[in-house]
């Protein structure tokens, strides 16, 4: 029964990761009629997709890098002759033990923080709003320019909150598994599953695109 429960948990986690990885908010975008020379191009309705986890697995990598700093400091200061420095080294080693709750909480908070940070780096609402305005595009019901920028900023903040929380939960899944089962035997590596599922989905997309290209070339 334990093995069956573990298998069911793995399937549920994979399904959650797929939903998290593929989830996106499609913002409707309309383009007005454009005149180029003697030709008039009709307006086009499309959408701007914003992924739930725009940052991917980068926040997890950053969080793990930062969490390795206390352990490194503990090793460096462990042989110090000053009593309080040696005590600090022992405390750092205990506080940030990979099996401790302080490590898990810090991991969760860092993943959420770095998700917001990296999303703000790669997603620029001001630049997107300016590009839409230059190309004659607009979001229905939203004025071009500053209002569009503010709208995109609100949307990305709400989506990033859900994505960051989900990504952090996936990152601390081993700790949750240990807490629920009181055992380190059956633990689900959320980060590893996230990477494997992301690569598998990207491979399927590439194969599908290649198949569509091949079918079009026949005509």
N, C-alpha and C. Protein backbone atom coordinates (compact mmCIF):
# COMPACT_ATOMS: atom_id res chain seq x y z
N UNK A 1 0.82 -1.21 0.00
CA UNK A 1 0.00 0.00 0.00
C UNK A 1 0.86 1.26 0.00
N UNK A 2 2.00 1.19 0.67
CA UNK A 2 2.91 2.34 0.69
C UNK A 2 3.44 2.64 -0.71
N UNK A 3 3.82 1.58 -1.42
CA UNK A 3 4.33 1.77 -2.78
C UNK A 3 3.25 2.33 -3.70
N UNK A 4 2.01 1.83 -3.54
CA UNK A 4 0.90 2.32 -4.36
C UNK A 4 0.62 3.79 -4.06
N UNK A 5 0.62 4.13 -2.78
CA UNK A 5 0.42 5.53 -2.40
C UNK A 5 1.51 6.43 -2.92
N UNK A 6 2.76 5.94 -2.87
CA UNK A 6 3.87 6.73 -3.40
C UNK A 6 3.74 6.93 -4.91
N UNK A 7 3.34 5.87 -5.63
CA UNK A 7 3.15 5.97 -7.08
C UNK A 7 2.05 6.97 -7.42
N UNK A 8 0.95 6.93 -6.65
CA UNK A 8 -0.14 7.88 -6.87
C UNK A 8 0.32 9.31 -6.59
N UNK A 9 1.14 9.49 -5.56
CA UNK A 9 1.67 10.82 -5.25
C UNK A 9 2.57 11.33 -6.37
N UNK A 10 3.38 10.44 -6.93
CA UNK A 10 4.27 10.84 -8.04
C UNK A 10 3.45 11.27 -9.25
N UNK A 11 2.40 10.52 -9.57
CA UNK A 11 1.55 10.88 -10.71
C UNK A 11 0.87 12.23 -10.46
N UNK A 12 0.39 12.45 -9.22
CA UNK A 12 -0.24 13.72 -8.90
C UNK A 12 0.74 14.88 -9.00
N UNK A 13 1.97 14.66 -8.55
CA UNK A 13 2.99 15.71 -8.62
C UNK A 13 3.33 16.01 -10.08
N UNK A 14 3.47 14.98 -10.90
CA UNK A 14 3.78 15.20 -12.32
C UNK A 14 2.65 15.98 -12.99
N UNK A 15 1.40 15.63 -12.68
CA UNK A 15 0.27 16.37 -13.25
C UNK A 15 0.30 17.83 -12.81
N UNK A 16 0.61 18.06 -11.54
CA UNK A 16 0.70 19.44 -11.04
C UNK A 16 1.81 20.21 -11.73
N UNK A 17 2.95 19.56 -11.96
CA UNK A 17 4.08 20.21 -12.63
C UNK A 17 3.73 20.54 -14.08
N UNK A 18 3.02 19.63 -14.76
CA UNK A 18 2.62 19.88 -16.15
C UNK A 18 1.69 21.09 -16.21
N UNK A 19 0.70 21.14 -15.30
CA UNK A 19 -0.21 22.29 -15.27
C UNK A 19 0.54 23.57 -14.97
N UNK A 20 1.47 23.50 -14.03
CA UNK A 20 2.26 24.69 -13.66
C UNK A 20 3.16 25.14 -14.80
N UNK A 21 3.75 24.18 -15.49
CA UNK A 21 4.68 24.51 -16.57
C UNK A 21 3.98 25.03 -17.81
N UNK A 22 2.79 24.49 -18.10
CA UNK A 22 2.08 24.86 -19.32
C UNK A 22 1.05 25.96 -19.10
N UNK A 23 0.78 26.30 -17.84
CA UNK A 23 -0.23 27.31 -17.56
C UNK A 23 0.17 28.69 -18.06
N UNK A 24 -0.77 29.41 -18.63
CA UNK A 24 -0.49 30.75 -19.16
C UNK A 24 -1.78 31.56 -19.17
N UNK A 25 -1.63 32.85 -19.07
CA UNK A 25 -2.77 33.78 -19.18
C UNK A 25 -2.69 34.43 -20.56
N UNK A 26 -3.71 34.24 -21.36
CA UNK A 26 -3.75 34.81 -22.70
C UNK A 26 -4.49 36.15 -22.65
N UNK A 27 -3.75 37.24 -22.82
CA UNK A 27 -4.34 38.57 -22.81
C UNK A 27 -4.73 38.94 -24.24
N UNK A 28 -6.00 39.25 -24.51
CA UNK A 28 -6.42 39.59 -25.88
C UNK A 28 -5.78 40.89 -26.35
N UNK A 29 -5.32 40.87 -27.58
CA UNK A 29 -4.71 42.05 -28.20
C UNK A 29 -5.34 42.23 -29.58
N UNK A 30 -5.74 43.45 -29.89
CA UNK A 30 -6.33 43.77 -31.19
C UNK A 30 -5.45 44.79 -31.91
N UNK A 31 -5.35 44.62 -33.21
CA UNK A 31 -4.58 45.55 -34.04
C UNK A 31 -5.55 46.28 -34.97
N UNK A 32 -5.44 47.59 -35.00
CA UNK A 32 -6.32 48.40 -35.83
C UNK A 32 -5.97 48.23 -37.30
N UNK A 33 -6.87 48.72 -38.17
CA UNK A 33 -6.59 48.69 -39.61
C UNK A 33 -5.39 49.58 -39.93
N UNK A 34 -4.53 49.06 -40.80
CA UNK A 34 -3.33 49.81 -41.18
C UNK A 34 -3.31 50.02 -42.68
N UNK A 35 -2.81 51.18 -43.07
CA UNK A 35 -2.71 51.53 -44.49
C UNK A 35 -1.24 51.64 -44.87
N UNK A 36 -0.83 50.85 -45.85
CA UNK A 36 0.54 50.90 -46.35
C UNK A 36 0.47 51.09 -47.86
N UNK A 37 0.82 52.28 -48.29
CA UNK A 37 0.72 52.58 -49.71
C UNK A 37 -0.73 52.62 -50.13
N UNK A 38 -1.07 51.82 -51.14
CA UNK A 38 -2.44 51.75 -51.62
C UNK A 38 -3.23 50.60 -51.00
N UNK A 39 -2.59 49.86 -50.07
CA UNK A 39 -3.25 48.70 -49.50
C UNK A 39 -3.71 49.01 -48.08
N UNK A 40 -4.86 48.46 -47.75
CA UNK A 40 -5.41 48.61 -46.40
C UNK A 40 -5.48 47.22 -45.78
N UNK A 41 -4.78 47.05 -44.68
CA UNK A 41 -4.75 45.77 -43.99
C UNK A 41 -5.80 45.77 -42.88
N UNK A 42 -6.61 44.73 -42.87
CA UNK A 42 -7.68 44.64 -41.86
C UNK A 42 -7.09 44.40 -40.48
N UNK A 43 -7.88 44.75 -39.47
CA UNK A 43 -7.44 44.53 -38.11
C UNK A 43 -7.35 43.05 -37.77
N UNK A 44 -6.47 42.73 -36.83
CA UNK A 44 -6.22 41.35 -36.44
C UNK A 44 -6.42 41.23 -34.93
N UNK A 45 -7.09 40.17 -34.51
CA UNK A 45 -7.25 39.87 -33.09
C UNK A 45 -6.36 38.70 -32.72
N UNK A 46 -5.52 38.89 -31.76
CA UNK A 46 -4.61 37.84 -31.31
C UNK A 46 -4.54 37.89 -29.79
N UNK A 47 -3.54 37.26 -29.21
CA UNK A 47 -3.41 37.28 -27.76
C UNK A 47 -1.94 37.31 -27.37
N UNK A 48 -1.70 37.81 -26.18
CA UNK A 48 -0.35 37.88 -25.61
C UNK A 48 -0.27 36.87 -24.46
N UNK A 49 0.46 35.75 -24.64
CA UNK A 49 0.53 34.74 -23.58
C UNK A 49 1.54 35.13 -22.50
N UNK A 50 1.12 35.01 -21.26
CA UNK A 50 2.01 35.24 -20.11
C UNK A 50 2.03 33.95 -19.30
N UNK A 51 3.19 33.32 -19.22
CA UNK A 51 3.30 32.04 -18.55
C UNK A 51 3.21 32.21 -17.03
N UNK A 52 2.72 31.16 -16.38
CA UNK A 52 2.60 31.18 -14.93
C UNK A 52 3.98 31.20 -14.28
N UNK A 53 4.89 30.40 -14.79
CA UNK A 53 6.27 30.42 -14.30
C UNK A 53 7.17 30.90 -15.43
N UNK A 54 7.19 32.20 -15.61
CA UNK A 54 8.02 32.80 -16.66
C UNK A 54 9.50 32.55 -16.40
N UNK A 55 9.88 32.45 -15.13
CA UNK A 55 11.29 32.32 -14.76
C UNK A 55 11.82 30.90 -14.94
N UNK A 56 10.94 29.91 -15.10
CA UNK A 56 11.41 28.52 -15.25
C UNK A 56 12.01 28.00 -13.95
N UNK A 57 13.13 27.26 -14.08
CA UNK A 57 13.79 26.67 -12.91
C UNK A 57 14.93 27.54 -12.39
N UNK A 58 15.13 28.72 -12.98
CA UNK A 58 16.22 29.59 -12.56
C UNK A 58 16.10 29.98 -11.08
N UNK A 59 14.91 30.32 -10.54
CA UNK A 59 14.83 30.66 -9.11
C UNK A 59 15.30 29.53 -8.20
N UNK A 60 15.04 28.29 -8.56
CA UNK A 60 15.48 27.16 -7.74
C UNK A 60 17.00 27.08 -7.74
N UNK A 61 17.61 27.31 -8.89
CA UNK A 61 19.08 27.28 -8.97
C UNK A 61 19.68 28.39 -8.12
N UNK A 62 19.13 29.58 -8.21
CA UNK A 62 19.62 30.69 -7.39
C UNK A 62 19.44 30.39 -5.90
N UNK A 63 18.28 29.85 -5.53
CA UNK A 63 18.02 29.56 -4.11
C UNK A 63 19.00 28.53 -3.57
N UNK A 64 19.28 27.48 -4.34
CA UNK A 64 20.23 26.48 -3.89
C UNK A 64 21.63 27.06 -3.76
N UNK A 65 21.99 27.97 -4.66
CA UNK A 65 23.30 28.61 -4.57
C UNK A 65 23.43 29.44 -3.30
N UNK A 66 22.38 30.17 -2.95
CA UNK A 66 22.42 30.98 -1.73
C UNK A 66 22.41 30.12 -0.48
N UNK A 67 21.69 29.01 -0.50
CA UNK A 67 21.62 28.14 0.67
C UNK A 67 22.92 27.39 0.90
N UNK A 68 23.78 27.34 -0.09
CA UNK A 68 25.08 26.69 0.12
C UNK A 68 26.08 27.60 0.84
N UNK A 69 25.76 28.90 0.93
CA UNK A 69 26.68 29.84 1.58
C UNK A 69 26.83 29.57 3.07
N UNK A 70 25.75 29.37 3.85
CA UNK A 70 25.94 29.08 5.28
C UNK A 70 26.79 27.85 5.54
N UNK A 71 26.60 26.78 4.76
CA UNK A 71 27.42 25.58 4.94
C UNK A 71 28.88 25.85 4.65
N UNK A 72 29.15 26.66 3.62
CA UNK A 72 30.53 27.01 3.29
C UNK A 72 31.16 27.84 4.41
N UNK A 73 30.40 28.81 4.94
CA UNK A 73 30.92 29.61 6.05
C UNK A 73 31.16 28.75 7.28
N UNK A 74 30.29 27.79 7.52
CA UNK A 74 30.47 26.90 8.66
C UNK A 74 31.76 26.10 8.55
N UNK A 75 32.08 25.62 7.36
CA UNK A 75 33.33 24.88 7.17
C UNK A 75 34.56 25.76 7.32
N UNK A 76 34.44 27.01 6.85
CA UNK A 76 35.57 27.92 6.93
C UNK A 76 35.85 28.34 8.38
N UNK A 77 34.77 28.59 9.14
CA UNK A 77 34.91 29.11 10.50
C UNK A 77 34.95 28.03 11.57
N UNK A 78 34.86 26.79 11.16
CA UNK A 78 34.77 25.70 12.13
C UNK A 78 36.03 25.58 12.99
N UNK A 79 37.19 25.86 12.42
CA UNK A 79 38.45 25.72 13.14
C UNK A 79 38.94 27.04 13.74
N UNK A 80 38.04 28.00 13.87
CA UNK A 80 38.44 29.30 14.43
C UNK A 80 38.76 29.15 15.92
N UNK A 81 39.74 29.93 16.38
CA UNK A 81 40.14 29.90 17.79
C UNK A 81 39.24 30.74 18.67
N UNK A 82 38.55 31.72 18.10
CA UNK A 82 37.63 32.56 18.87
C UNK A 82 36.38 31.75 19.20
N UNK A 83 36.01 31.70 20.49
CA UNK A 83 34.88 30.84 20.88
C UNK A 83 33.56 31.19 20.19
N UNK A 84 33.24 32.50 20.10
CA UNK A 84 31.95 32.84 19.53
C UNK A 84 31.90 32.58 18.03
N UNK A 85 33.07 32.67 17.37
CA UNK A 85 33.12 32.36 15.93
C UNK A 85 32.92 30.86 15.70
N UNK A 86 33.57 30.05 16.54
CA UNK A 86 33.39 28.60 16.42
C UNK A 86 31.95 28.20 16.74
N UNK A 87 31.34 28.87 17.74
CA UNK A 87 29.94 28.60 18.05
C UNK A 87 29.01 28.99 16.92
N UNK A 88 29.32 30.11 16.26
CA UNK A 88 28.52 30.54 15.11
C UNK A 88 28.61 29.51 13.98
N UNK A 89 29.81 28.96 13.79
CA UNK A 89 29.98 27.95 12.74
C UNK A 89 29.15 26.71 13.04
N UNK A 90 29.12 26.28 14.30
CA UNK A 90 28.31 25.11 14.67
C UNK A 90 26.82 25.41 14.49
N UNK A 91 26.41 26.62 14.88
CA UNK A 91 25.00 26.99 14.74
C UNK A 91 24.57 27.04 13.28
N UNK A 92 25.43 27.59 12.43
CA UNK A 92 25.11 27.64 11.00
C UNK A 92 24.95 26.25 10.42
N UNK A 93 25.83 25.35 10.87
CA UNK A 93 25.76 23.97 10.38
C UNK A 93 24.46 23.30 10.83
N UNK A 94 24.00 23.60 12.04
CA UNK A 94 22.77 23.00 12.55
C UNK A 94 21.54 23.67 11.94
N UNK A 95 21.56 25.00 11.87
CA UNK A 95 20.38 25.72 11.38
C UNK A 95 20.08 25.40 9.93
N UNK A 96 21.14 25.35 9.12
CA UNK A 96 20.95 25.17 7.68
C UNK A 96 21.28 23.75 7.24
N UNK A 97 21.00 22.80 8.11
CA UNK A 97 21.11 21.40 7.72
C UNK A 97 20.05 21.08 6.68
N UNK A 98 20.38 20.35 5.63
CA UNK A 98 19.39 20.07 4.58
C UNK A 98 18.13 19.37 5.08
N UNK A 99 18.19 18.77 6.25
CA UNK A 99 17.01 18.09 6.79
C UNK A 99 16.27 18.92 7.83
N UNK A 100 16.71 20.17 8.05
CA UNK A 100 16.10 21.02 9.06
C UNK A 100 14.98 21.87 8.51
N UNK A 101 14.10 22.33 9.40
CA UNK A 101 12.96 23.13 8.97
C UNK A 101 13.38 24.54 8.59
N UNK A 102 14.47 25.06 9.19
CA UNK A 102 14.96 26.39 8.81
C UNK A 102 15.42 26.38 7.35
N UNK A 103 16.09 25.31 6.96
CA UNK A 103 16.53 25.17 5.56
C UNK A 103 15.33 25.14 4.62
N UNK A 104 14.29 24.38 5.00
CA UNK A 104 13.11 24.26 4.14
C UNK A 104 12.38 25.59 4.01
N UNK A 105 12.20 26.30 5.14
CA UNK A 105 11.52 27.59 5.10
C UNK A 105 12.33 28.60 4.29
N UNK A 106 13.66 28.62 4.50
CA UNK A 106 14.51 29.54 3.73
C UNK A 106 14.46 29.22 2.24
N UNK A 107 14.44 27.93 1.93
CA UNK A 107 14.35 27.49 0.53
C UNK A 107 13.06 28.00 -0.10
N UNK A 108 11.95 27.84 0.60
CA UNK A 108 10.65 28.29 0.11
C UNK A 108 10.66 29.80 -0.15
N UNK A 109 11.12 30.56 0.83
CA UNK A 109 11.11 32.03 0.72
C UNK A 109 12.04 32.49 -0.41
N UNK A 110 13.21 31.87 -0.52
CA UNK A 110 14.15 32.27 -1.57
C UNK A 110 13.61 31.97 -2.96
N UNK A 111 12.94 30.84 -3.12
CA UNK A 111 12.37 30.50 -4.44
C UNK A 111 11.31 31.52 -4.83
N UNK A 112 10.44 31.90 -3.88
CA UNK A 112 9.42 32.90 -4.17
C UNK A 112 10.06 34.24 -4.52
N UNK A 113 11.05 34.65 -3.72
CA UNK A 113 11.71 35.94 -3.97
C UNK A 113 12.44 35.98 -5.30
N UNK A 114 13.18 34.93 -5.60
CA UNK A 114 13.92 34.91 -6.86
C UNK A 114 12.99 34.76 -8.07
N UNK A 115 11.83 34.14 -7.89
CA UNK A 115 10.86 34.07 -9.00
C UNK A 115 10.38 35.47 -9.37
N UNK A 116 10.06 36.27 -8.35
CA UNK A 116 9.65 37.66 -8.62
C UNK A 116 10.80 38.45 -9.24
N UNK A 117 12.00 38.25 -8.71
CA UNK A 117 13.16 39.01 -9.21
C UNK A 117 13.45 38.68 -10.67
N UNK A 118 13.52 37.39 -11.00
CA UNK A 118 13.88 37.01 -12.36
C UNK A 118 12.77 37.34 -13.35
N UNK A 119 11.52 37.24 -12.90
CA UNK A 119 10.40 37.61 -13.78
C UNK A 119 10.45 39.10 -14.10
N UNK A 120 10.78 39.93 -13.11
CA UNK A 120 10.89 41.37 -13.36
C UNK A 120 12.03 41.70 -14.30
N UNK A 121 13.04 40.83 -14.35
CA UNK A 121 14.18 41.07 -15.24
C UNK A 121 13.83 40.76 -16.69
N UNK A 122 13.13 39.63 -16.92
CA UNK A 122 12.88 39.19 -18.30
C UNK A 122 11.54 39.67 -18.84
N UNK A 123 10.66 40.17 -17.98
CA UNK A 123 9.36 40.66 -18.44
C UNK A 123 9.26 42.14 -18.10
N UNK A 124 9.25 42.98 -19.14
CA UNK A 124 9.22 44.42 -18.97
C UNK A 124 7.88 44.97 -19.49
N UNK A 125 6.92 45.25 -18.60
CA UNK A 125 5.61 45.73 -19.06
C UNK A 125 5.70 47.04 -19.85
N UNK A 126 6.62 47.91 -19.47
CA UNK A 126 6.75 49.19 -20.17
C UNK A 126 7.18 48.98 -21.62
N UNK A 127 8.15 48.12 -21.81
CA UNK A 127 8.63 47.85 -23.17
C UNK A 127 7.55 47.18 -24.02
N UNK A 128 6.82 46.24 -23.44
CA UNK A 128 5.75 45.56 -24.18
C UNK A 128 4.65 46.55 -24.55
N UNK A 129 4.28 47.42 -23.60
CA UNK A 129 3.24 48.42 -23.89
C UNK A 129 3.68 49.36 -25.00
N UNK A 130 4.94 49.76 -24.99
CA UNK A 130 5.44 50.66 -26.04
C UNK A 130 5.45 49.96 -27.39
N UNK A 131 5.85 48.70 -27.42
CA UNK A 131 5.87 47.96 -28.69
C UNK A 131 4.46 47.78 -29.24
N UNK A 132 3.50 47.47 -28.36
CA UNK A 132 2.12 47.35 -28.82
C UNK A 132 1.62 48.66 -29.41
N UNK A 133 1.94 49.77 -28.75
CA UNK A 133 1.48 51.07 -29.22
C UNK A 133 2.12 51.42 -30.56
N UNK A 134 3.40 51.11 -30.73
CA UNK A 134 4.08 51.40 -32.00
C UNK A 134 3.51 50.58 -33.15
N UNK A 135 3.09 49.34 -32.86
CA UNK A 135 2.57 48.46 -33.90
C UNK A 135 1.08 48.62 -34.11
N UNK A 136 0.47 49.57 -33.39
CA UNK A 136 -0.96 49.81 -33.56
C UNK A 136 -1.83 48.81 -32.82
N UNK A 137 -1.26 48.11 -31.84
CA UNK A 137 -2.03 47.13 -31.08
C UNK A 137 -2.50 47.72 -29.75
N UNK A 138 -3.56 47.15 -29.23
CA UNK A 138 -4.09 47.61 -27.95
C UNK A 138 -4.87 46.46 -27.30
N UNK A 139 -4.97 46.53 -25.99
CA UNK A 139 -5.78 45.57 -25.23
C UNK A 139 -7.19 46.13 -25.12
N UNK A 140 -8.21 45.39 -25.56
CA UNK A 140 -9.58 45.92 -25.51
C UNK A 140 -9.96 46.40 -24.11
N UNK A 141 -10.47 47.62 -24.06
CA UNK A 141 -10.89 48.20 -22.79
C UNK A 141 -9.79 48.90 -22.03
N UNK A 142 -8.55 48.84 -22.54
CA UNK A 142 -7.40 49.46 -21.87
C UNK A 142 -6.77 50.47 -22.81
N UNK A 143 -6.53 51.68 -22.32
CA UNK A 143 -5.88 52.69 -23.16
C UNK A 143 -4.42 52.33 -23.42
N UNK A 144 -3.93 52.59 -24.62
CA UNK A 144 -2.51 52.34 -24.89
C UNK A 144 -1.62 53.25 -24.04
N UNK A 145 -0.39 52.78 -23.83
CA UNK A 145 0.55 53.61 -23.07
C UNK A 145 0.65 53.20 -21.62
N UNK A 146 0.52 54.19 -20.73
CA UNK A 146 0.71 53.95 -19.30
C UNK A 146 -0.34 53.02 -18.71
N UNK A 147 -1.60 53.14 -19.16
CA UNK A 147 -2.63 52.25 -18.64
C UNK A 147 -2.38 50.80 -19.02
N UNK A 148 -1.90 50.59 -20.24
CA UNK A 148 -1.55 49.24 -20.66
C UNK A 148 -0.40 48.70 -19.83
N UNK A 149 0.61 49.54 -19.56
CA UNK A 149 1.74 49.13 -18.74
C UNK A 149 1.28 48.75 -17.33
N UNK A 150 0.40 49.58 -16.73
CA UNK A 150 -0.10 49.29 -15.38
C UNK A 150 -0.92 48.00 -15.36
N UNK A 151 -1.72 47.80 -16.41
CA UNK A 151 -2.54 46.58 -16.49
C UNK A 151 -1.65 45.34 -16.58
N UNK A 152 -0.64 45.39 -17.44
CA UNK A 152 0.27 44.25 -17.58
C UNK A 152 1.03 44.00 -16.28
N UNK A 153 1.40 45.06 -15.57
CA UNK A 153 2.11 44.90 -14.31
C UNK A 153 1.24 44.21 -13.27
N UNK A 154 -0.04 44.59 -13.20
CA UNK A 154 -0.95 43.94 -12.25
C UNK A 154 -1.14 42.47 -12.60
N UNK A 155 -1.29 42.19 -13.88
CA UNK A 155 -1.50 40.80 -14.31
C UNK A 155 -0.29 39.95 -13.98
N UNK A 156 0.90 40.44 -14.30
CA UNK A 156 2.11 39.65 -14.06
C UNK A 156 2.36 39.47 -12.58
N UNK A 157 1.99 40.44 -11.75
CA UNK A 157 2.16 40.29 -10.30
C UNK A 157 1.27 39.18 -9.76
N UNK A 158 0.01 39.15 -10.21
CA UNK A 158 -0.90 38.10 -9.73
C UNK A 158 -0.48 36.73 -10.23
N UNK A 159 -0.11 36.64 -11.51
CA UNK A 159 0.30 35.36 -12.07
C UNK A 159 1.58 34.87 -11.41
N UNK A 160 2.52 35.78 -11.18
CA UNK A 160 3.80 35.40 -10.58
C UNK A 160 3.60 34.90 -9.15
N UNK A 161 2.63 35.47 -8.43
CA UNK A 161 2.35 35.00 -7.07
C UNK A 161 1.94 33.53 -7.09
N UNK A 162 1.03 33.19 -8.00
CA UNK A 162 0.60 31.79 -8.10
C UNK A 162 1.75 30.90 -8.58
N UNK A 163 2.50 31.37 -9.59
CA UNK A 163 3.60 30.58 -10.10
C UNK A 163 4.72 30.40 -9.09
N UNK A 164 5.06 31.48 -8.37
CA UNK A 164 6.12 31.40 -7.37
C UNK A 164 5.75 30.46 -6.23
N UNK A 165 4.49 30.53 -5.79
CA UNK A 165 4.03 29.64 -4.72
C UNK A 165 4.07 28.18 -5.17
N UNK A 166 3.57 27.92 -6.38
CA UNK A 166 3.60 26.55 -6.90
C UNK A 166 5.01 26.04 -7.09
N UNK A 167 5.91 26.89 -7.59
CA UNK A 167 7.30 26.49 -7.80
C UNK A 167 7.98 26.21 -6.46
N UNK A 168 7.69 27.02 -5.46
CA UNK A 168 8.28 26.81 -4.13
C UNK A 168 7.77 25.51 -3.51
N UNK A 169 6.48 25.21 -3.70
CA UNK A 169 5.93 23.95 -3.19
C UNK A 169 6.61 22.76 -3.84
N UNK A 170 6.83 22.85 -5.16
CA UNK A 170 7.53 21.77 -5.86
C UNK A 170 8.95 21.63 -5.33
N UNK A 171 9.61 22.74 -5.02
CA UNK A 171 10.99 22.70 -4.54
C UNK A 171 11.11 22.02 -3.18
N UNK A 172 10.12 22.25 -2.30
CA UNK A 172 10.21 21.70 -0.94
C UNK A 172 9.43 20.39 -0.79
N UNK A 173 9.06 19.78 -1.90
CA UNK A 173 8.33 18.51 -1.82
C UNK A 173 9.07 17.43 -1.03
N UNK A 174 10.39 17.28 -1.16
CA UNK A 174 11.07 16.27 -0.33
C UNK A 174 10.86 16.49 1.17
N UNK A 175 10.88 17.75 1.61
CA UNK A 175 10.68 18.04 3.02
C UNK A 175 9.23 17.71 3.43
N UNK A 176 8.29 18.02 2.54
CA UNK A 176 6.89 17.70 2.84
C UNK A 176 6.71 16.19 2.91
N UNK A 177 7.37 15.44 2.00
CA UNK A 177 7.29 13.98 2.03
C UNK A 177 7.88 13.40 3.30
N UNK A 178 9.01 13.94 3.74
CA UNK A 178 9.61 13.46 4.99
C UNK A 178 8.73 13.76 6.19
N UNK A 179 8.08 14.92 6.18
CA UNK A 179 7.21 15.30 7.31
C UNK A 179 5.97 14.41 7.38
N UNK A 180 5.40 14.08 6.22
CA UNK A 180 4.17 13.30 6.21
C UNK A 180 4.41 11.82 6.47
N UNK A 181 5.55 11.32 6.01
CA UNK A 181 5.82 9.88 6.14
C UNK A 181 6.78 9.55 7.26
N UNK A 182 7.44 10.57 7.84
CA UNK A 182 8.45 10.33 8.88
C UNK A 182 9.53 9.37 8.41
N UNK A 183 9.83 9.45 7.12
CA UNK A 183 10.82 8.56 6.54
C UNK A 183 11.49 9.28 5.39
N UNK A 184 12.78 8.97 5.20
CA UNK A 184 13.53 9.53 4.08
C UNK A 184 13.62 8.56 2.91
N UNK A 185 12.92 7.42 3.03
CA UNK A 185 12.98 6.41 1.97
C UNK A 185 12.15 6.82 0.77
N UNK A 186 10.89 7.21 1.04
CA UNK A 186 9.98 7.60 -0.04
C UNK A 186 9.87 9.12 -0.07
N UNK A 187 10.71 9.76 -0.82
CA UNK A 187 10.64 11.21 -1.00
C UNK A 187 10.60 11.52 -2.48
N UNK A 188 9.89 12.56 -2.83
CA UNK A 188 9.70 12.95 -4.22
C UNK A 188 10.55 14.17 -4.49
N UNK A 189 11.54 14.04 -5.37
CA UNK A 189 12.39 15.17 -5.72
C UNK A 189 11.67 16.09 -6.68
N UNK A 190 11.05 17.14 -6.15
CA UNK A 190 10.26 18.03 -7.00
C UNK A 190 11.08 18.73 -8.05
N UNK A 191 12.29 19.18 -7.68
CA UNK A 191 13.14 19.89 -8.64
C UNK A 191 13.53 18.98 -9.80
N UNK A 192 13.92 17.75 -9.48
CA UNK A 192 14.30 16.80 -10.54
C UNK A 192 13.12 16.51 -11.46
N UNK A 193 11.94 16.30 -10.87
CA UNK A 193 10.76 16.05 -11.68
C UNK A 193 10.42 17.25 -12.55
N UNK A 194 10.59 18.45 -12.00
CA UNK A 194 10.31 19.66 -12.77
C UNK A 194 11.20 19.75 -14.00
N UNK A 195 12.48 19.46 -13.82
CA UNK A 195 13.42 19.52 -14.95
C UNK A 195 13.09 18.44 -15.98
N UNK A 196 12.84 17.22 -15.50
CA UNK A 196 12.55 16.12 -16.42
C UNK A 196 11.26 16.38 -17.20
N UNK A 197 10.21 16.82 -16.50
CA UNK A 197 8.94 17.09 -17.17
C UNK A 197 9.08 18.25 -18.16
N UNK A 198 9.81 19.30 -17.78
CA UNK A 198 10.00 20.43 -18.69
C UNK A 198 10.73 20.01 -19.96
N UNK A 199 11.78 19.20 -19.81
CA UNK A 199 12.52 18.72 -20.98
C UNK A 199 11.64 17.82 -21.84
N UNK A 200 10.85 16.95 -21.20
CA UNK A 200 9.98 16.06 -21.96
C UNK A 200 8.93 16.85 -22.74
N UNK A 201 8.33 17.85 -22.11
CA UNK A 201 7.32 18.66 -22.81
C UNK A 201 7.94 19.45 -23.96
N UNK A 202 9.14 19.98 -23.74
CA UNK A 202 9.80 20.73 -24.81
C UNK A 202 10.16 19.80 -25.97
N UNK A 203 10.58 18.58 -25.67
CA UNK A 203 10.89 17.61 -26.72
C UNK A 203 9.64 17.26 -27.53
N UNK A 204 8.52 17.07 -26.83
CA UNK A 204 7.26 16.79 -27.54
C UNK A 204 6.85 17.94 -28.44
N UNK A 205 7.05 19.17 -27.97
CA UNK A 205 6.71 20.33 -28.79
C UNK A 205 7.59 20.40 -30.04
N UNK A 206 8.88 20.10 -29.87
CA UNK A 206 9.78 20.11 -31.02
C UNK A 206 9.40 19.02 -32.03
N UNK A 207 9.05 17.84 -31.53
CA UNK A 207 8.64 16.76 -32.43
C UNK A 207 7.35 17.12 -33.16
N UNK A 208 6.41 17.73 -32.43
CA UNK A 208 5.15 18.12 -33.06
C UNK A 208 5.38 19.19 -34.12
N UNK A 209 6.25 20.17 -33.82
CA UNK A 209 6.55 21.21 -34.81
C UNK A 209 7.24 20.62 -36.03
N UNK A 210 8.14 19.65 -35.80
CA UNK A 210 8.82 19.01 -36.93
C UNK A 210 7.84 18.21 -37.78
N UNK A 211 6.88 17.53 -37.12
CA UNK A 211 5.88 16.77 -37.87
C UNK A 211 4.98 17.68 -38.70
N UNK A 212 4.59 18.83 -38.13
CA UNK A 212 3.75 19.78 -38.87
C UNK A 212 4.52 20.34 -40.06
N UNK A 213 5.81 20.67 -39.86
CA UNK A 213 6.63 21.19 -40.96
C UNK A 213 6.75 20.16 -42.08
N UNK A 214 6.94 18.91 -41.72
CA UNK A 214 7.07 17.85 -42.73
C UNK A 214 5.77 17.67 -43.52
N UNK A 215 4.62 17.74 -42.82
CA UNK A 215 3.35 17.58 -43.50
C UNK A 215 3.06 18.74 -44.45
N UNK A 216 3.51 19.97 -44.09
CA UNK A 216 3.31 21.11 -44.97
C UNK A 216 4.22 21.03 -46.19
N UNK A 217 5.40 20.48 -46.02
CA UNK A 217 6.33 20.39 -47.14
C UNK A 217 5.83 19.45 -48.22
N UNK A 218 4.93 18.51 -47.86
CA UNK A 218 4.38 17.59 -48.85
C UNK A 218 3.48 18.31 -49.84
N UNK A 219 2.94 19.45 -49.47
CA UNK A 219 2.05 20.20 -50.38
C UNK A 219 2.80 21.30 -51.10
